[in-house]
């Protein structure tokens, strides 16, 4: 675990978070800076800096994160009509924490061109 990774610290229980789901592979929390009425983060327990750092050894972890995103979304009544799943990759794309994570956004209608950070 990188010393300065806030998500690794959340996964380890060193920093409190509003946990909505967890299993052996991921933890899902409410975003502290929501960009939609529902804004959740699915964070793999394994530290991988970003999507560009995924390779064949991470296939199972990535798949489990996607399935967990579906499970998390199913627990939120506000997402029954649909949700947006976003993975930012790199600082220029809005990734502010260098630990792969998925954003689940919903609870409102999104315009086609708008992708919240």
PDB file of N, CA and C in Angstrom:
ATOM      1  N   UNK A   1       0.844  -1.185   0.000  1.00  0.00           N
ATOM      2  CA  UNK A   1       0.000   0.000   0.000  1.00  0.00           C
ATOM      3  C   UNK A   1       0.883   1.240   0.000  1.00  0.00           C
ATOM      4  N   UNK A   2       0.708   2.096  -1.000  1.00  0.00           N
ATOM      5  CA  UNK A   2       1.453   3.367  -0.982  1.00  0.00           C
ATOM      6  C   UNK A   2       1.054   4.193   0.246  1.00  0.00           C
ATOM      7  N   UNK A   3       2.025   4.768   0.899  1.00  0.00           N
ATOM      8  CA  UNK A   3       1.788   5.508   2.136  1.00  0.00           C
ATOM      9  C   UNK A   3       0.772   6.622   2.012  1.00  0.00           C
ATOM     10  N   UNK A   4       0.786   7.315   0.879  1.00  0.00           N
ATOM     11  CA  UNK A   4      -0.053   8.497   0.737  1.00  0.00           C
ATOM     12  C   UNK A   4      -1.376   8.232   0.018  1.00  0.00           C
ATOM     13  N   UNK A   5      -1.772   6.986  -0.180  1.00  0.00           N
ATOM     14  CA  UNK A   5      -3.001   6.678  -0.913  1.00  0.00           C
ATOM     15  C   UNK A   5      -4.201   6.710   0.038  1.00  0.00           C
ATOM     16  N   UNK A   6      -5.022   7.717  -0.125  1.00  0.00           N
ATOM     17  CA  UNK A   6      -6.196   7.867   0.749  1.00  0.00           C
ATOM     18  C   UNK A   6      -7.157   6.693   0.602  1.00  0.00           C
ATOM     19  N   UNK A   7      -7.290   6.137  -0.616  1.00  0.00           N
ATOM     20  CA  UNK A   7      -8.206   5.013  -0.794  1.00  0.00           C
ATOM     21  C   UNK A   7      -7.673   3.751  -0.118  1.00  0.00           C
ATOM     22  N   UNK A   8      -6.374   3.545  -0.143  1.00  0.00           N
ATOM     23  CA  UNK A   8      -5.798   2.407   0.587  1.00  0.00           C
ATOM     24  C   UNK A   8      -6.058   2.554   2.079  1.00  0.00           C
ATOM     25  N   UNK A   9      -5.999   3.780   2.577  1.00  0.00           N
ATOM     26  CA  UNK A   9      -6.259   4.026   3.999  1.00  0.00           C
ATOM     27  C   UNK A   9      -7.730   3.797   4.336  1.00  0.00           C
ATOM     28  N   UNK A  10      -8.625   4.152   3.422  1.00  0.00           N
ATOM     29  CA  UNK A  10     -10.057   3.884   3.631  1.00  0.00           C
ATOM     30  C   UNK A  10     -10.294   2.380   3.639  1.00  0.00           C
ATOM     31  N   UNK A  11      -9.723   1.676   2.659  1.00  0.00           N
ATOM     32  CA  UNK A  11      -9.861   0.215   2.575  1.00  0.00           C
ATOM     33  C   UNK A  11      -9.357  -0.444   3.859  1.00  0.00           C
ATOM     34  N   UNK A  12      -8.262   0.068   4.409  1.00  0.00           N
ATOM     35  CA  UNK A  12      -7.670  -0.497   5.625  1.00  0.00           C
ATOM     36  C   UNK A  12      -8.405  -0.086   6.897  1.00  0.00           C
ATOM     37  N   UNK A  13      -9.386   0.802   6.776  1.00  0.00           N
ATOM     38  CA  UNK A  13     -10.126   1.255   7.945  1.00  0.00           C
ATOM     39  C   UNK A  13      -9.426   2.335   8.740  1.00  0.00           C
ATOM     40  N   UNK A  14      -8.378   2.916   8.174  1.00  0.00           N
ATOM     41  CA  UNK A  14      -7.618   3.963   8.865  1.00  0.00           C
ATOM     42  C   UNK A  14      -8.282   5.330   8.754  1.00  0.00           C
ATOM     43  N   UNK A  15      -9.115   5.514   7.733  1.00  0.00           N
ATOM     44  CA  UNK A  15      -9.841   6.761   7.524  1.00  0.00           C
ATOM     45  C   UNK A  15     -11.317   6.392   7.425  1.00  0.00           C
ATOM     46  N   UNK A  16     -12.181   7.081   8.178  1.00  0.00           N
ATOM     47  CA  UNK A  16     -13.610   6.764   8.109  1.00  0.00           C
ATOM     48  C   UNK A  16     -14.209   7.170   6.763  1.00  0.00           C
ATOM     49  N   UNK A  17     -15.217   6.431   6.342  1.00  0.00           N
ATOM     50  CA  UNK A  17     -15.935   6.724   5.106  1.00  0.00           C
ATOM     51  C   UNK A  17     -17.355   6.204   5.246  1.00  0.00           C
ATOM     52  N   UNK A  18     -18.236   6.740   4.433  1.00  0.00           N
ATOM     53  CA  UNK A  18     -19.625   6.297   4.424  1.00  0.00           C
ATOM     54  C   UNK A  18     -19.743   5.080   3.508  1.00  0.00           C
ATOM     55  N   UNK A  19     -19.544   3.894   4.084  1.00  0.00           N
ATOM     56  CA  UNK A  19     -19.519   2.647   3.325  1.00  0.00           C
ATOM     57  C   UNK A  19     -20.952   2.197   3.017  1.00  0.00           C
ATOM     58  N   UNK A  20     -21.201   1.886   1.735  1.00  0.00           N
ATOM     59  CA  UNK A  20     -22.518   1.392   1.338  1.00  0.00           C
ATOM     60  C   UNK A  20     -22.478  -0.075   0.922  1.00  0.00           C
ATOM     61  N   UNK A  21     -21.263  -0.594   0.692  1.00  0.00           N
ATOM     62  CA  UNK A  21     -21.106  -1.992   0.253  1.00  0.00           C
ATOM     63  C   UNK A  21     -19.653  -2.379   0.430  1.00  0.00           C
ATOM     64  N   UNK A  22     -19.427  -3.645   0.767  1.00  0.00           N
ATOM     65  CA  UNK A  22     -18.068  -4.172   0.734  1.00  0.00           C
ATOM     66  C   UNK A  22     -18.106  -5.681   0.605  1.00  0.00           C
ATOM     67  N   UNK A  23     -17.084  -6.195  -0.038  1.00  0.00           N
ATOM     68  CA  UNK A  23     -16.893  -7.634  -0.139  1.00  0.00           C
ATOM     69  C   UNK A  23     -15.391  -7.885  -0.118  1.00  0.00           C
ATOM     70  N   UNK A  24     -14.972  -9.065  -0.476  1.00  0.00           N
ATOM     71  CA  UNK A  24     -13.547  -9.398  -0.422  1.00  0.00           C
ATOM     72  C   UNK A  24     -12.714  -8.632  -1.439  1.00  0.00           C
ATOM     73  N   UNK A  25     -13.347  -8.111  -2.490  1.00  0.00           N
ATOM     74  CA  UNK A  25     -12.618  -7.475  -3.587  1.00  0.00           C
ATOM     75  C   UNK A  25     -12.665  -5.957  -3.582  1.00  0.00           C
ATOM     76  N   UNK A  26     -13.779  -5.387  -3.107  1.00  0.00           N
ATOM     77  CA  UNK A  26     -13.987  -3.939  -3.212  1.00  0.00           C
ATOM     78  C   UNK A  26     -14.635  -3.379  -1.964  1.00  0.00           C
ATOM     79  N   UNK A  27     -14.602  -2.065  -1.885  1.00  0.00           N
ATOM     80  CA  UNK A  27     -15.388  -1.319  -0.922  1.00  0.00           C
ATOM     81  C   UNK A  27     -16.069  -0.210  -1.718  1.00  0.00           C
ATOM     82  N   UNK A  28     -17.311   0.093  -1.398  1.00  0.00           N
ATOM     83  CA  UNK A  28     -18.033   1.172  -2.073  1.00  0.00           C
ATOM     84  C   UNK A  28     -18.438   2.203  -1.028  1.00  0.00           C
ATOM     85  N   UNK A  29     -18.174   3.460  -1.354  1.00  0.00           N
ATOM     86  CA  UNK A  29     -18.427   4.557  -0.418  1.00  0.00           C
ATOM     87  C   UNK A  29     -19.160   5.693  -1.125  1.00  0.00           C
ATOM     88  N   UNK A  30     -19.748   6.564  -0.332  1.00  0.00           N
ATOM     89  CA  UNK A  30     -20.342   7.793  -0.873  1.00  0.00           C
ATOM     90  C   UNK A  30     -19.214   8.793  -1.126  1.00  0.00           C
ATOM     91  N   UNK A  31     -19.253   9.439  -2.278  1.00  0.00           N
ATOM     92  CA  UNK A  31     -18.245  10.444  -2.617  1.00  0.00           C
ATOM     93  C   UNK A  31     -18.434  11.667  -1.723  1.00  0.00           C
ATOM     94  N   UNK A  32     -17.346  12.213  -1.203  1.00  0.00           N
ATOM     95  CA  UNK A  32     -17.447  13.384  -0.324  1.00  0.00           C
ATOM     96  C   UNK A  32     -17.665  14.680  -1.109  1.00  0.00           C
ATOM     97  N   UNK A  33     -17.523  14.624  -2.431  1.00  0.00           N
ATOM     98  CA  UNK A  33     -17.751  15.783  -3.289  1.00  0.00           C
ATOM     99  C   UNK A  33     -18.682  15.349  -4.432  1.00  0.00           C
ATOM    100  N   UNK A  34     -19.952  15.052  -4.113  1.00  0.00           N
ATOM    101  CA  UNK A  34     -20.843  14.459  -5.112  1.00  0.00           C
ATOM    102  C   UNK A  34     -21.110  15.365  -6.308  1.00  0.00           C
ATOM    103  N   UNK A  35     -21.136  14.740  -7.485  1.00  0.00           N
ATOM    104  CA  UNK A  35     -21.419  15.433  -8.735  1.00  0.00           C
ATOM    105  C   UNK A  35     -22.825  15.116  -9.241  1.00  0.00           C
ATOM    106  N   UNK A  36     -23.590  14.380  -8.453  1.00  0.00           N
ATOM    107  CA  UNK A  36     -24.965  14.004  -8.774  1.00  0.00           C
ATOM    108  C   UNK A  36     -25.658  13.666  -7.461  1.00  0.00           C
ATOM    109  N   UNK A  37     -26.998  13.587  -7.453  1.00  0.00           N
ATOM    110  CA  UNK A  37     -27.682  13.232  -6.209  1.00  0.00           C
ATOM    111  C   UNK A  37     -27.177  11.923  -5.591  1.00  0.00           C
ATOM    112  N   UNK A  38     -26.839  10.965  -6.435  1.00  0.00           N
ATOM    113  CA  UNK A  38     -26.191   9.741  -5.957  1.00  0.00           C
ATOM    114  C   UNK A  38     -24.825   9.687  -6.617  1.00  0.00           C
ATOM    115  N   UNK A  39     -23.768   9.667  -5.822  1.00  0.00           N
ATOM    116  CA  UNK A  39     -22.401   9.588  -6.339  1.00  0.00           C
ATOM    117  C   UNK A  39     -21.626   8.665  -5.407  1.00  0.00           C
ATOM    118  N   UNK A  40     -21.403   7.452  -5.899  1.00  0.00           N
ATOM    119  CA  UNK A  40     -20.711   6.435  -5.117  1.00  0.00           C
ATOM    120  C   UNK A  40     -19.402   6.070  -5.797  1.00  0.00           C
ATOM    121  N   UNK A  41     -18.447   5.615  -5.022  1.00  0.00           N
ATOM    122  CA  UNK A  41     -17.162   5.163  -5.546  1.00  0.00           C
ATOM    123  C   UNK A  41     -16.990   3.688  -5.227  1.00  0.00           C
ATOM    124  N   UNK A  42     -16.638   2.916  -6.230  1.00  0.00           N
ATOM    125  CA  UNK A  42     -16.300   1.507  -6.032  1.00  0.00           C
ATOM    126  C   UNK A  42     -14.787   1.420  -6.113  1.00  0.00           C
ATOM    127  N   UNK A  43     -14.169   1.011  -5.022  1.00  0.00           N
ATOM    128  CA  UNK A  43     -12.713   1.029  -4.896  1.00  0.00           C
ATOM    129  C   UNK A  43     -12.202  -0.395  -4.707  1.00  0.00           C
ATOM    130  N   UNK A  44     -11.422  -0.910  -5.652  1.00  0.00           N
ATOM    131  CA  UNK A  44     -10.826  -2.233  -5.440  1.00  0.00           C
ATOM    132  C   UNK A  44      -9.906  -2.208  -4.218  1.00  0.00           C
ATOM    133  N   UNK A  45      -9.907  -3.286  -3.466  1.00  0.00           N
ATOM    134  CA  UNK A  45      -9.022  -3.367  -2.301  1.00  0.00           C
ATOM    135  C   UNK A  45      -7.556  -3.418  -2.730  1.00  0.00           C
ATOM    136  N   UNK A  46      -7.301  -4.003  -3.882  1.00  0.00           N
ATOM    137  CA  UNK A  46      -5.936  -4.070  -4.412  1.00  0.00           C
ATOM    138  C   UNK A  46      -5.566  -2.718  -5.006  1.00  0.00           C
ATOM    139  N   UNK A  47      -4.389  -2.216  -4.658  1.00  0.00           N
ATOM    140  CA  UNK A  47      -3.957  -0.928  -5.189  1.00  0.00           C
ATOM    141  C   UNK A  47      -3.422  -1.085  -6.614  1.00  0.00           C
ATOM    142  N   UNK A  48      -4.078  -0.400  -7.536  1.00  0.00           N
ATOM    143  CA  UNK A  48      -3.608  -0.219  -8.911  1.00  0.00           C
ATOM    144  C   UNK A  48      -3.816   1.263  -9.169  1.00  0.00           C
ATOM    145  N   UNK A  49      -2.807   1.958  -9.636  1.00  0.00           N
ATOM    146  CA  UNK A  49      -2.858   3.415  -9.737  1.00  0.00           C
ATOM    147  C   UNK A  49      -3.969   3.922 -10.649  1.00  0.00           C
ATOM    148  N   UNK A  50      -4.230   3.239 -11.735  1.00  0.00           N
ATOM    149  CA  UNK A  50      -5.267   3.708 -12.653  1.00  0.00           C
ATOM    150  C   UNK A  50      -5.516   2.702 -13.748  1.00  0.00           C
ATOM    151  N   UNK A  51      -6.453   3.013 -14.601  1.00  0.00           N
ATOM    152  CA  UNK A  51      -6.819   2.117 -15.689  1.00  0.00           C
ATOM    153  C   UNK A  51      -5.626   1.792 -16.579  1.00  0.00           C
ATOM    154  N   UNK A  52      -4.751   2.750 -16.796  1.00  0.00           N
ATOM    155  CA  UNK A  52      -3.561   2.521 -17.626  1.00  0.00           C
ATOM    156  C   UNK A  52      -2.599   1.516 -17.012  1.00  0.00           C
ATOM    157  N   UNK A  53      -2.764   1.241 -15.734  1.00  0.00           N
ATOM    158  CA  UNK A  53      -1.881   0.306 -15.046  1.00  0.00           C
ATOM    159  C   UNK A  53      -2.435  -1.113 -14.979  1.00  0.00           C
ATOM    160  N   UNK A  54      -3.631  -1.305 -15.511  1.00  0.00           N
ATOM    161  CA  UNK A  54      -4.213  -2.655 -15.530  1.00  0.00           C
ATOM    162  C   UNK A  54      -3.530  -3.506 -16.583  1.00  0.00           C
ATOM    163  N   UNK A  55      -3.347  -4.777 -16.268  1.00  0.00           N
ATOM    164  CA  UNK A  55      -2.871  -5.730 -17.267  1.00  0.00           C
ATOM    165  C   UNK A  55      -3.513  -7.077 -16.973  1.00  0.00           C
ATOM    166  N   UNK A  56      -3.031  -8.105 -17.621  1.00  0.00           N
ATOM    167  CA  UNK A  56      -3.661  -9.425 -17.525  1.00  0.00           C
ATOM    168  C   UNK A  56      -3.806  -9.937 -16.091  1.00  0.00           C
ATOM    169  N   UNK A  57      -2.877  -9.594 -15.221  1.00  0.00           N
ATOM    170  CA  UNK A  57      -2.963 -10.082 -13.842  1.00  0.00           C
ATOM    171  C   UNK A  57      -4.109  -9.439 -13.063  1.00  0.00           C
ATOM    172  N   UNK A  58      -4.719  -8.386 -13.616  1.00  0.00           N
ATOM    173  CA  UNK A  58      -5.796  -7.674 -12.934  1.00  0.00           C
ATOM    174  C   UNK A  58      -7.178  -7.979 -13.500  1.00  0.00           C
ATOM    175  N   UNK A  59      -7.277  -8.930 -14.409  1.00  0.00           N
ATOM    176  CA  UNK A  59      -8.556  -9.209 -15.068  1.00  0.00           C
ATOM    177  C   UNK A  59      -9.635  -9.570 -14.048  1.00  0.00           C
ATOM    178  N   UNK A  60      -9.330 -10.452 -13.132  1.00  0.00           N
ATOM    179  CA  UNK A  60     -10.338 -10.860 -12.141  1.00  0.00           C
ATOM    180  C   UNK A  60     -10.740  -9.679 -11.261  1.00  0.00           C
ATOM    181  N   UNK A  61      -9.782  -8.902 -10.807  1.00  0.00           N
ATOM    182  CA  UNK A  61     -10.075  -7.745  -9.961  1.00  0.00           C
ATOM    183  C   UNK A  61     -10.957  -6.752 -10.700  1.00  0.00           C
ATOM    184  N   UNK A  62     -10.654  -6.476 -11.953  1.00  0.00           N
ATOM    185  CA  UNK A  62     -11.437  -5.518 -12.732  1.00  0.00           C
ATOM    186  C   UNK A  62     -12.857  -6.033 -12.950  1.00  0.00           C
ATOM    187  N   UNK A  63     -12.984  -7.298 -13.249  1.00  0.00           N
ATOM    188  CA  UNK A  63     -14.310  -7.884 -13.424  1.00  0.00           C
ATOM    189  C   UNK A  63     -15.128  -7.841 -12.151  1.00  0.00           C
ATOM    190  N   UNK A  64     -14.490  -8.126 -11.042  1.00  0.00           N
ATOM    191  CA  UNK A  64     -15.191  -8.089  -9.759  1.00  0.00           C
ATOM    192  C   UNK A  64     -15.631  -6.661  -9.421  1.00  0.00           C
ATOM    193  N   UNK A  65     -14.810  -5.683  -9.787  1.00  0.00           N
ATOM    194  CA  UNK A  65     -15.184  -4.286  -9.537  1.00  0.00           C
ATOM    195  C   UNK A  65     -16.416  -3.904 -10.360  1.00  0.00           C
ATOM    196  N   UNK A  66     -16.480  -4.347 -11.613  1.00  0.00           N
ATOM    197  CA  UNK A  66     -17.654  -4.058 -12.442  1.00  0.00           C
ATOM    198  C   UNK A  66     -18.907  -4.726 -11.883  1.00  0.00           C
ATOM    199  N   UNK A  67     -18.787  -5.978 -11.486  1.00  0.00           N
ATOM    200  CA  UNK A  67     -19.943  -6.667 -10.904  1.00  0.00           C
ATOM    201  C   UNK A  67     -20.371  -6.009  -9.592  1.00  0.00           C
ATOM    202  N   UNK A  68     -19.409  -5.582  -8.814  1.00  0.00           N
ATOM    203  CA  UNK A  68     -19.736  -4.896  -7.565  1.00  0.00           C
ATOM    204  C   UNK A  68     -20.460  -3.587  -7.854  1.00  0.00           C
ATOM    205  N   UNK A  69     -20.056  -2.876  -8.903  1.00  0.00           N
ATOM    206  CA  UNK A  69     -20.734  -1.626  -9.273  1.00  0.00           C
ATOM    207  C   UNK A  69     -22.213  -1.902  -9.561  1.00  0.00           C
ATOM    208  N   UNK A  70     -22.489  -2.989 -10.267  1.00  0.00           N
ATOM    209  CA  UNK A  70     -23.881  -3.353 -10.541  1.00  0.00           C
ATOM    210  C   UNK A  70     -24.613  -3.650  -9.239  1.00  0.00           C
ATOM    211  N   UNK A  71     -23.985  -4.418  -8.361  1.00  0.00           N
ATOM    212  CA  UNK A  71     -24.619  -4.768  -7.079  1.00  0.00           C
ATOM    213  C   UNK A  71     -24.892  -3.518  -6.238  1.00  0.00           C
ATOM    214  N   UNK A  72     -23.920  -2.633  -6.198  1.00  0.00           N
ATOM    215  CA  UNK A  72     -24.079  -1.390  -5.436  1.00  0.00           C
ATOM    216  C   UNK A  72     -25.227  -0.577  -6.009  1.00  0.00           C
ATOM    217  N   UNK A  73     -25.281  -0.427  -7.317  1.00  0.00           N
ATOM    218  CA  UNK A  73     -26.346   0.344  -7.958  1.00  0.00           C
ATOM    219  C   UNK A  73     -27.712  -0.247  -7.640  1.00  0.00           C
ATOM    220  N   UNK A  74     -27.793  -1.552  -7.571  1.00  0.00           N
ATOM    221  CA  UNK A  74     -29.073  -2.217  -7.277  1.00  0.00           C
ATOM    222  C   UNK A  74     -29.569  -1.926  -5.860  1.00  0.00           C
ATOM    223  N   UNK A  75     -28.692  -1.493  -4.971  1.00  0.00           N
ATOM    224  CA  UNK A  75     -29.099  -1.193  -3.601  1.00  0.00           C
ATOM    225  C   UNK A  75     -29.644   0.225  -3.456  1.00  0.00           C
ATOM    226  N   UNK A  76     -29.532   1.020  -4.503  1.00  0.00           N
ATOM    227  CA  UNK A  76     -29.924   2.424  -4.441  1.00  0.00           C
ATOM    228  C   UNK A  76     -31.212   2.645  -5.241  1.00  0.00           C
ATOM    229  N   UNK A  77     -32.314   2.911  -4.559  1.00  0.00           N
ATOM    230  CA  UNK A  77     -33.593   3.111  -5.234  1.00  0.00           C
ATOM    231  C   UNK A  77     -33.525   4.211  -6.297  1.00  0.00           C
ATOM    232  N   UNK A  78     -32.751   5.255  -6.031  1.00  0.00           N
ATOM    233  CA  UNK A  78     -32.661   6.387  -6.956  1.00  0.00           C
ATOM    234  C   UNK A  78     -32.000   6.014  -8.284  1.00  0.00           C
ATOM    235  N   UNK A  79     -31.364   4.843  -8.346  1.00  0.00           N
ATOM    236  CA  UNK A  79     -30.670   4.419  -9.566  1.00  0.00           C
ATOM    237  C   UNK A  79     -31.479   3.425 -10.393  1.00  0.00           C
ATOM    238  N   UNK A  80     -32.723   3.152  -9.979  1.00  0.00           N
ATOM    239  CA  UNK A  80     -33.542   2.157 -10.677  1.00  0.00           C
ATOM    240  C   UNK A  80     -33.764   2.525 -12.141  1.00  0.00           C
ATOM    241  N   UNK A  81     -33.839   3.814 -12.458  1.00  0.00           N
ATOM    242  CA  UNK A  81     -34.070   4.257 -13.836  1.00  0.00           C
ATOM    243  C   UNK A  81     -32.790   4.249 -14.669  1.00  0.00           C
ATOM    244  N   UNK A  82     -31.650   4.106 -14.016  1.00  0.00           N
ATOM    245  CA  UNK A  82     -30.375   4.080 -14.723  1.00  0.00           C
ATOM    246  C   UNK A  82     -29.305   4.829 -13.958  1.00  0.00           C
ATOM    247  N   UNK A  83     -28.078   4.622 -14.392  1.00  0.00           N
ATOM    248  CA  UNK A  83     -26.947   5.295 -13.757  1.00  0.00           C
ATOM    249  C   UNK A  83     -25.807   5.381 -14.758  1.00  0.00           C
ATOM    250  N   UNK A  84     -24.841   6.191 -14.437  1.00  0.00           N
ATOM    251  CA  UNK A  84     -23.649   6.350 -15.260  1.00  0.00           C
ATOM    252  C   UNK A  84     -22.472   5.782 -14.479  1.00  0.00           C
ATOM    253  N   UNK A  85     -21.614   5.025 -15.172  1.00  0.00           N
ATOM    254  CA  UNK A  85     -20.410   4.460 -14.571  1.00  0.00           C
ATOM    255  C   UNK A  85     -19.218   5.097 -15.259  1.00  0.00           C
ATOM    256  N   UNK A  86     -18.338   5.708 -14.473  1.00  0.00           N
ATOM    257  CA  UNK A  86     -17.212   6.461 -15.023  1.00  0.00           C
ATOM    258  C   UNK A  86     -15.909   5.997 -14.386  1.00  0.00           C
ATOM    259  N   UNK A  87     -14.875   5.880 -15.208  1.00  0.00           N
ATOM    260  CA  UNK A  87     -13.521   5.644 -14.725  1.00  0.00           C
ATOM    261  C   UNK A  87     -12.651   6.744 -15.314  1.00  0.00           C
ATOM    262  N   UNK A  88     -12.166   7.626 -14.465  1.00  0.00           N
ATOM    263  CA  UNK A  88     -11.232   8.661 -14.912  1.00  0.00           C
ATOM    264  C   UNK A  88      -9.835   8.056 -14.904  1.00  0.00           C
ATOM    265  N   UNK A  89      -9.040   8.387 -15.908  1.00  0.00           N
ATOM    266  CA  UNK A  89      -7.689   7.834 -15.996  1.00  0.00           C
ATOM    267  C   UNK A  89      -6.692   8.964 -16.234  1.00  0.00           C
ATOM    268  N   UNK A  90      -5.961   9.304 -15.201  1.00  0.00           N
ATOM    269  CA  UNK A  90      -4.956  10.362 -15.296  1.00  0.00           C
ATOM    270  C   UNK A  90      -5.494  11.706 -14.854  1.00  0.00           C
ATOM    271  N   UNK A  91      -4.579  12.551 -14.466  1.00  0.00           N
ATOM    272  CA  UNK A  91      -4.919  13.870 -13.946  1.00  0.00           C
ATOM    273  C   UNK A  91      -5.701  14.709 -14.957  1.00  0.00           C
ATOM    274  N   UNK A  92      -5.326  14.657 -16.221  1.00  0.00           N
ATOM    275  CA  UNK A  92      -6.004  15.447 -17.253  1.00  0.00           C
ATOM    276  C   UNK A  92      -7.461  15.019 -17.423  1.00  0.00           C
ATOM    277  N   UNK A  93      -7.790  13.785 -17.046  1.00  0.00           N
ATOM    278  CA  UNK A  93      -9.156  13.278 -17.148  1.00  0.00           C
ATOM    279  C   UNK A  93      -9.949  13.500 -15.862  1.00  0.00           C
ATOM    280  N   UNK A  94      -9.312  14.076 -14.855  1.00  0.00           N
ATOM    281  CA  UNK A  94     -10.002  14.345 -13.601  1.00  0.00           C
ATOM    282  C   UNK A  94      -9.743  13.341 -12.499  1.00  0.00           C
ATOM    283  N   UNK A  95      -8.809  12.407 -12.714  1.00  0.00           N
ATOM    284  CA  UNK A  95      -8.491  11.452 -11.653  1.00  0.00           C
ATOM    285  C   UNK A  95      -7.685  12.177 -10.589  1.00  0.00           C
ATOM    286  N   UNK A  96      -8.250  12.290  -9.391  1.00  0.00           N
ATOM    287  CA  UNK A  96      -7.581  13.032  -8.323  1.00  0.00           C
ATOM    288  C   UNK A  96      -6.912  12.126  -7.302  1.00  0.00           C
ATOM    289  N   UNK A  97      -7.277  10.837  -7.303  1.00  0.00           N
ATOM    290  CA  UNK A  97      -6.638   9.865  -6.412  1.00  0.00           C
ATOM    291  C   UNK A  97      -6.050   8.769  -7.289  1.00  0.00           C
ATOM    292  N   UNK A  98      -4.752   8.534  -7.139  1.00  0.00           N
ATOM    293  CA  UNK A  98      -4.064   7.536  -7.973  1.00  0.00           C
ATOM    294  C   UNK A  98      -4.291   6.134  -7.422  1.00  0.00           C
ATOM    295  N   UNK A  99      -5.543   5.727  -7.442  1.00  0.00           N
ATOM    296  CA  UNK A  99      -5.977   4.370  -7.062  1.00  0.00           C
ATOM    297  C   UNK A  99      -7.214   4.132  -7.923  1.00  0.00           C
ATOM    298  N   UNK A 100      -7.166   3.130  -8.769  1.00  0.00           N
ATOM    299  CA  UNK A 100      -8.288   2.835  -9.650  1.00  0.00           C
ATOM    300  C   UNK A 100      -9.597   2.814  -8.872  1.00  0.00           C
ATOM    301  N   UNK A 101     -10.603   3.493  -9.398  1.00  0.00           N
ATOM    302  CA  UNK A 101     -11.921   3.488  -8.775  1.00  0.00           C
ATOM    303  C   UNK A 101     -12.972   3.821  -9.819  1.00  0.00           C
ATOM    304  N   UNK A 102     -14.184   3.369  -9.569  1.00  0.00           N
ATOM    305  CA  UNK A 102     -15.306   3.577 -10.473  1.00  0.00           C
ATOM    306  C   UNK A 102     -16.297   4.517  -9.804  1.00  0.00           C
ATOM    307  N   UNK A 103     -16.762   5.495 -10.564  1.00  0.00           N
ATOM    308  CA  UNK A 103     -17.789   6.412 -10.086  1.00  0.00           C
ATOM    309  C   UNK A 103     -19.147   5.905 -10.564  1.00  0.00           C
ATOM    310  N   UNK A 104     -20.090   5.781  -9.653  1.00  0.00           N
ATOM    311  CA  UNK A 104     -21.474   5.484 -10.000  1.00  0.00           C
ATOM    312  C   UNK A 104     -22.249   6.772  -9.744  1.00  0.00           C
ATOM    313  N   UNK A 105     -22.856   7.318 -10.807  1.00  0.00           N
ATOM    314  CA  UNK A 105     -23.612   8.555 -10.676  1.00  0.00           C
ATOM    315  C   UNK A 105     -25.037   8.346 -11.149  1.00  0.00           C
ATOM    316  N   UNK A 106     -25.969   8.970 -10.457  1.00  0.00           N
ATOM    317  CA  UNK A 106     -27.359   8.864 -10.863  1.00  0.00           C
ATOM    318  C   UNK A 106     -28.250   9.707  -9.991  1.00  0.00           C
ATOM    319  N   UNK A 107     -29.547   9.458 -10.124  1.00  0.00           N
ATOM    320  CA  UNK A 107     -30.516  10.233  -9.365  1.00  0.00           C
ATOM    321  C   UNK A 107     -30.991  11.451 -10.115  1.00  0.00           C
ATOM    322  N   UNK A 108     -30.503  11.637 -11.338  1.00  0.00           N
ATOM    323  CA  UNK A 108     -30.965  12.718 -12.218  1.00  0.00           C
ATOM    324  C   UNK A 108     -30.659  12.312 -13.651  1.00  0.00           C
ATOM    325  N   UNK A 109     -31.228  13.034 -14.595  1.00  0.00           N
ATOM    326  CA  UNK A 109     -30.968  12.794 -16.010  1.00  0.00           C
ATOM    327  C   UNK A 109     -29.693  13.524 -16.401  1.00  0.00           C
ATOM    328  N   UNK A 110     -28.830  12.838 -17.149  1.00  0.00           N
ATOM    329  CA  UNK A 110     -27.588  13.429 -17.632  1.00  0.00           C
ATOM    330  C   UNK A 110     -27.748  13.809 -19.097  1.00  0.00           C
ATOM    331  N   UNK A 111     -27.148  14.924 -19.479  1.00  0.00           N
ATOM    332  CA  UNK A 111     -27.136  15.279 -20.904  1.00  0.00           C
ATOM    333  C   UNK A 111     -26.059  14.427 -21.588  1.00  0.00           C
ATOM    334  N   UNK A 112     -26.186  14.236 -22.872  1.00  0.00           N
ATOM    335  CA  UNK A 112     -25.260  13.366 -23.605  1.00  0.00           C
ATOM    336  C   UNK A 112     -23.824  13.844 -23.540  1.00  0.00           C
ATOM    337  N   UNK A 113     -23.581  15.127 -23.603  1.00  0.00           N
ATOM    338  CA  UNK A 113     -22.218  15.636 -23.658  1.00  0.00           C
ATOM    339  C   UNK A 113     -21.582  15.876 -22.314  1.00  0.00           C
ATOM    340  N   UNK A 114     -22.364  15.812 -21.257  1.00  0.00           N
ATOM    341  CA  UNK A 114     -21.819  16.139 -19.940  1.00  0.00           C
ATOM    342  C   UNK A 114     -21.355  14.879 -19.218  1.00  0.00           C
ATOM    343  N   UNK A 115     -20.105  14.859 -18.859  1.00  0.00           N
ATOM    344  CA  UNK A 115     -19.565  13.754 -18.080  1.00  0.00           C
ATOM    345  C   UNK A 115     -18.969  14.340 -16.810  1.00  0.00           C
ATOM    346  N   UNK A 116     -19.676  14.184 -15.677  1.00  0.00           N
ATOM    347  CA  UNK A 116     -19.179  14.744 -14.417  1.00  0.00           C
ATOM    348  C   UNK A 116     -17.831  14.153 -14.032  1.00  0.00           C
ATOM    349  N   UNK A 117     -16.993  14.927 -13.386  1.00  0.00           N
ATOM    350  CA  UNK A 117     -15.676  14.495 -12.952  1.00  0.00           C
ATOM    351  C   UNK A 117     -15.733  13.830 -11.652  1.00  0.00           C
TER     352      UNK A 117
END
